[in-house]
Structure formats: structure tokens, C-alpha cells
Amino acid sequence: MELSEVLEERKKTHGDWKQQSRLSQVLKGVIRQSEYYSRLSLPQCEALDMILHKISRIVEGDPNEKDHWLDIAGYATLETK
């Protein structure tokens, strides 16, 4: 499969890259404004970043893409171990 084909397939499930990345950054910016954000560990920060990234894919892409939801559960589970 050519790269252009892969990118077109991803666009169907992940949404338009520029729109999805903008939403992802906005969501991450919102939580970083919390006065308590600094209490989080680096793994907690990364888990939240990845969860918000996946949320932006759900909103901008295909909300029925099972992998997005499974990835959110996975990142949440990693942080509770």
C-alpha cells in the first residue's frame, strides 16, 4: 500500500489531520490550565495527553472506530498499574 493510500484510509477513521491536531492541542491546553496539573506525574500527564488525542480522533474522525475507544481504556489502565 502506498503512503498516500494509508493517509486517505487514516483520514476516514482519524479525521482531517489539521482539524484533529488543533482539537487535540486545545483539549490538552485546557487541562494544563488547571492549578493542580503540576501535581501529576509524567506518566499521568502522558496518559492524559494520549487520551485527549484519542478523544480528538473520535470527535473529528469516525466515532465508531473501536480502536479509539480501546486505546483510551488502554492508556487509563496503564496509568493505574
N, C-alpha and C. Protein backbone atom coordinates (compact mmCIF):
# COMPACT_ATOMS: atom_id res chain seq x y z
N MET A 1 0.85 -1.18 0.00
CA MET A 1 0.00 0.00 0.00
C MET A 1 0.89 1.24 0.00
N GLU A 2 0.58 2.19 -0.83
CA GLU A 2 1.32 3.44 -0.92
C GLU A 2 0.98 4.34 0.26
N LEU A 3 1.91 5.22 0.60
CA LEU A 3 1.70 6.15 1.71
C LEU A 3 0.45 6.99 1.51
N SER A 4 0.21 7.45 0.30
CA SER A 4 -0.98 8.27 0.04
C SER A 4 -2.26 7.49 0.33
N GLU A 5 -2.25 6.20 0.05
CA GLU A 5 -3.41 5.36 0.34
C GLU A 5 -3.61 5.20 1.85
N VAL A 6 -2.51 5.01 2.55
CA VAL A 6 -2.58 4.88 4.01
C VAL A 6 -3.15 6.16 4.62
N LEU A 7 -2.66 7.30 4.16
CA LEU A 7 -3.13 8.58 4.69
C LEU A 7 -4.62 8.79 4.40
N GLU A 8 -5.07 8.39 3.24
CA GLU A 8 -6.50 8.51 2.92
C GLU A 8 -7.34 7.60 3.80
N GLU A 9 -6.85 6.40 4.06
CA GLU A 9 -7.56 5.47 4.96
C GLU A 9 -7.63 6.05 6.37
N ARG A 10 -6.52 6.58 6.84
CA ARG A 10 -6.49 7.15 8.20
C ARG A 10 -7.43 8.35 8.32
N LYS A 11 -7.54 9.12 7.25
CA LYS A 11 -8.43 10.28 7.27
C LYS A 11 -9.87 9.86 7.55
N LYS A 12 -10.25 8.68 7.07
CA LYS A 12 -11.61 8.19 7.29
C LYS A 12 -11.86 7.88 8.76
N THR A 13 -10.87 7.36 9.45
CA THR A 13 -11.04 6.97 10.86
C THR A 13 -10.55 8.03 11.83
N HIS A 14 -9.54 8.79 11.44
CA HIS A 14 -8.91 9.75 12.34
C HIS A 14 -9.33 11.19 12.07
N GLY A 15 -9.96 11.44 10.95
CA GLY A 15 -10.36 12.79 10.59
C GLY A 15 -9.25 13.54 9.88
N ASP A 16 -9.55 14.75 9.49
CA ASP A 16 -8.58 15.62 8.84
C ASP A 16 -7.47 15.96 9.84
N TRP A 17 -6.22 15.76 9.45
CA TRP A 17 -5.08 15.92 10.35
C TRP A 17 -5.05 17.30 11.00
N LYS A 18 -5.23 18.36 10.24
CA LYS A 18 -5.13 19.70 10.80
C LYS A 18 -6.25 19.97 11.80
N GLN A 19 -7.45 19.55 11.50
CA GLN A 19 -8.57 19.75 12.42
C GLN A 19 -8.39 18.90 13.68
N GLN A 20 -8.00 17.66 13.49
CA GLN A 20 -7.83 16.76 14.63
C GLN A 20 -6.68 17.23 15.52
N SER A 21 -5.58 17.65 14.93
CA SER A 21 -4.45 18.09 15.75
C SER A 21 -4.77 19.39 16.48
N ARG A 22 -5.55 20.26 15.85
CA ARG A 22 -5.95 21.50 16.51
C ARG A 22 -6.80 21.19 17.74
N LEU A 23 -7.81 20.33 17.57
CA LEU A 23 -8.67 19.98 18.70
C LEU A 23 -7.86 19.31 19.80
N SER A 24 -6.96 18.42 19.44
CA SER A 24 -6.12 17.73 20.41
C SER A 24 -5.32 18.74 21.25
N GLN A 25 -4.72 19.73 20.59
CA GLN A 25 -3.93 20.73 21.30
C GLN A 25 -4.79 21.63 22.19
N VAL A 26 -5.98 21.96 21.72
CA VAL A 26 -6.90 22.77 22.53
C VAL A 26 -7.29 22.02 23.80
N LEU A 27 -7.65 20.74 23.65
CA LEU A 27 -8.03 19.94 24.82
C LEU A 27 -6.88 19.82 25.81
N LYS A 28 -5.68 19.57 25.31
CA LYS A 28 -4.51 19.47 26.18
C LYS A 28 -4.23 20.80 26.88
N GLY A 29 -4.41 21.89 26.15
CA GLY A 29 -4.20 23.22 26.74
C GLY A 29 -5.17 23.50 27.87
N VAL A 30 -6.39 23.04 27.73
CA VAL A 30 -7.40 23.25 28.77
C VAL A 30 -6.99 22.58 30.07
N ILE A 31 -6.57 21.33 30.01
CA ILE A 31 -6.23 20.65 31.26
C ILE A 31 -4.95 21.20 31.87
N ARG A 32 -4.06 21.72 31.04
CA ARG A 32 -2.81 22.28 31.57
C ARG A 32 -3.03 23.60 32.30
N GLN A 33 -4.19 24.19 32.15
CA GLN A 33 -4.51 25.42 32.86
C GLN A 33 -4.95 25.18 34.30
N SER A 34 -5.20 23.93 34.64
CA SER A 34 -5.63 23.60 35.99
C SER A 34 -4.51 23.93 36.99
N GLU A 35 -4.88 24.49 38.12
CA GLU A 35 -3.89 24.78 39.15
C GLU A 35 -3.28 23.50 39.73
N TYR A 36 -3.93 22.36 39.50
CA TYR A 36 -3.46 21.09 40.04
C TYR A 36 -2.69 20.24 39.03
N TYR A 37 -2.57 20.71 37.81
CA TYR A 37 -1.89 19.93 36.77
C TYR A 37 -0.46 19.59 37.18
N SER A 38 0.20 20.48 37.87
CA SER A 38 1.61 20.27 38.25
C SER A 38 1.79 19.12 39.24
N ARG A 39 0.72 18.67 39.85
CA ARG A 39 0.81 17.53 40.78
C ARG A 39 0.90 16.19 40.07
N LEU A 40 0.60 16.18 38.80
CA LEU A 40 0.60 14.93 38.05
C LEU A 40 2.02 14.46 37.75
N SER A 41 2.18 13.15 37.75
CA SER A 41 3.47 12.57 37.35
C SER A 41 3.59 12.64 35.83
N LEU A 42 4.80 12.46 35.33
CA LEU A 42 4.99 12.45 33.87
C LEU A 42 4.17 11.36 33.20
N PRO A 43 4.13 10.12 33.74
CA PRO A 43 3.27 9.11 33.11
C PRO A 43 1.79 9.50 33.13
N GLN A 44 1.33 10.15 34.19
CA GLN A 44 -0.06 10.60 34.24
C GLN A 44 -0.31 11.68 33.18
N CYS A 45 0.63 12.59 33.04
CA CYS A 45 0.49 13.64 32.01
C CYS A 45 0.43 13.02 30.62
N GLU A 46 1.31 12.06 30.37
CA GLU A 46 1.34 11.42 29.05
C GLU A 46 0.06 10.63 28.79
N ALA A 47 -0.41 9.91 29.80
CA ALA A 47 -1.66 9.16 29.64
C ALA A 47 -2.81 10.10 29.29
N LEU A 48 -2.90 11.21 30.00
CA LEU A 48 -3.95 12.19 29.71
C LEU A 48 -3.79 12.77 28.31
N ASP A 49 -2.55 13.09 27.91
CA ASP A 49 -2.31 13.60 26.56
C ASP A 49 -2.80 12.60 25.51
N MET A 50 -2.48 11.34 25.70
CA MET A 50 -2.87 10.32 24.73
C MET A 50 -4.38 10.11 24.72
N ILE A 51 -4.99 10.15 25.88
CA ILE A 51 -6.45 10.01 25.95
C ILE A 51 -7.12 11.17 25.23
N LEU A 52 -6.64 12.38 25.46
CA LEU A 52 -7.22 13.54 24.78
C LEU A 52 -6.98 13.47 23.27
N HIS A 53 -5.83 12.96 22.88
CA HIS A 53 -5.53 12.76 21.45
C HIS A 53 -6.55 11.80 20.84
N LYS A 54 -6.83 10.72 21.54
CA LYS A 54 -7.81 9.75 21.05
C LYS A 54 -9.21 10.34 21.02
N ILE A 55 -9.54 11.15 22.02
CA ILE A 55 -10.85 11.82 22.03
C ILE A 55 -10.99 12.72 20.81
N SER A 56 -9.91 13.43 20.47
CA SER A 56 -9.98 14.30 19.29
C SER A 56 -10.18 13.48 18.01
N ARG A 57 -9.63 12.28 17.96
CA ARG A 57 -9.86 11.41 16.80
C ARG A 57 -11.31 10.94 16.74
N ILE A 58 -11.89 10.68 17.89
CA ILE A 58 -13.29 10.26 17.94
C ILE A 58 -14.19 11.39 17.44
N VAL A 59 -13.92 12.60 17.90
CA VAL A 59 -14.75 13.75 17.55
C VAL A 59 -14.56 14.15 16.08
N GLU A 60 -13.33 14.17 15.62
CA GLU A 60 -13.04 14.64 14.25
C GLU A 60 -13.11 13.52 13.21
N GLY A 61 -12.97 12.28 13.65
CA GLY A 61 -12.96 11.15 12.72
C GLY A 61 -14.20 10.29 12.88
N ASP A 62 -13.98 9.00 12.89
CA ASP A 62 -15.07 8.04 12.99
C ASP A 62 -15.31 7.67 14.46
N PRO A 63 -16.44 8.10 15.04
CA PRO A 63 -16.70 7.81 16.45
C PRO A 63 -16.99 6.33 16.70
N ASN A 64 -17.19 5.58 15.65
CA ASN A 64 -17.46 4.15 15.80
C ASN A 64 -16.22 3.28 15.62
N GLU A 65 -15.07 3.92 15.44
CA GLU A 65 -13.81 3.18 15.31
C GLU A 65 -13.44 2.61 16.68
N LYS A 66 -13.58 1.32 16.80
CA LYS A 66 -13.39 0.63 18.07
C LYS A 66 -12.00 0.87 18.68
N ASP A 67 -10.99 0.95 17.83
CA ASP A 67 -9.62 1.12 18.33
C ASP A 67 -9.45 2.41 19.15
N HIS A 68 -10.14 3.48 18.76
CA HIS A 68 -10.02 4.72 19.53
C HIS A 68 -10.44 4.49 20.98
N TRP A 69 -11.55 3.82 21.16
CA TRP A 69 -12.10 3.57 22.49
C TRP A 69 -11.22 2.60 23.27
N LEU A 70 -10.73 1.58 22.59
CA LEU A 70 -9.85 0.62 23.25
C LEU A 70 -8.54 1.27 23.67
N ASP A 71 -8.03 2.17 22.84
CA ASP A 71 -6.80 2.87 23.18
C ASP A 71 -6.98 3.73 24.43
N ILE A 72 -8.13 4.39 24.55
CA ILE A 72 -8.41 5.20 25.74
C ILE A 72 -8.40 4.31 26.98
N ALA A 73 -9.08 3.18 26.89
CA ALA A 73 -9.10 2.24 28.01
C ALA A 73 -7.70 1.74 28.33
N GLY A 74 -6.91 1.51 27.31
CA GLY A 74 -5.54 1.03 27.50
C GLY A 74 -4.67 2.04 28.22
N TYR A 75 -4.73 3.31 27.79
CA TYR A 75 -3.92 4.34 28.45
C TYR A 75 -4.36 4.54 29.89
N ALA A 76 -5.66 4.49 30.15
CA ALA A 76 -6.16 4.63 31.51
C ALA A 76 -5.70 3.45 32.37
N THR A 77 -5.71 2.27 31.79
CA THR A 77 -5.28 1.07 32.52
C THR A 77 -3.79 1.11 32.81
N LEU A 78 -3.00 1.53 31.85
CA LEU A 78 -1.55 1.63 32.06
C LEU A 78 -1.23 2.50 33.26
N GLU A 79 -1.96 3.58 33.42
CA GLU A 79 -1.66 4.52 34.48
C GLU A 79 -2.11 4.00 35.84
N THR A 80 -3.01 3.07 35.88
CA THR A 80 -3.49 2.56 37.18
C THR A 80 -2.67 1.37 37.65
N LYS A 81 -1.70 0.94 36.86
CA LYS A 81 -0.87 -0.21 37.26
C LYS A 81 0.27 0.22 38.14
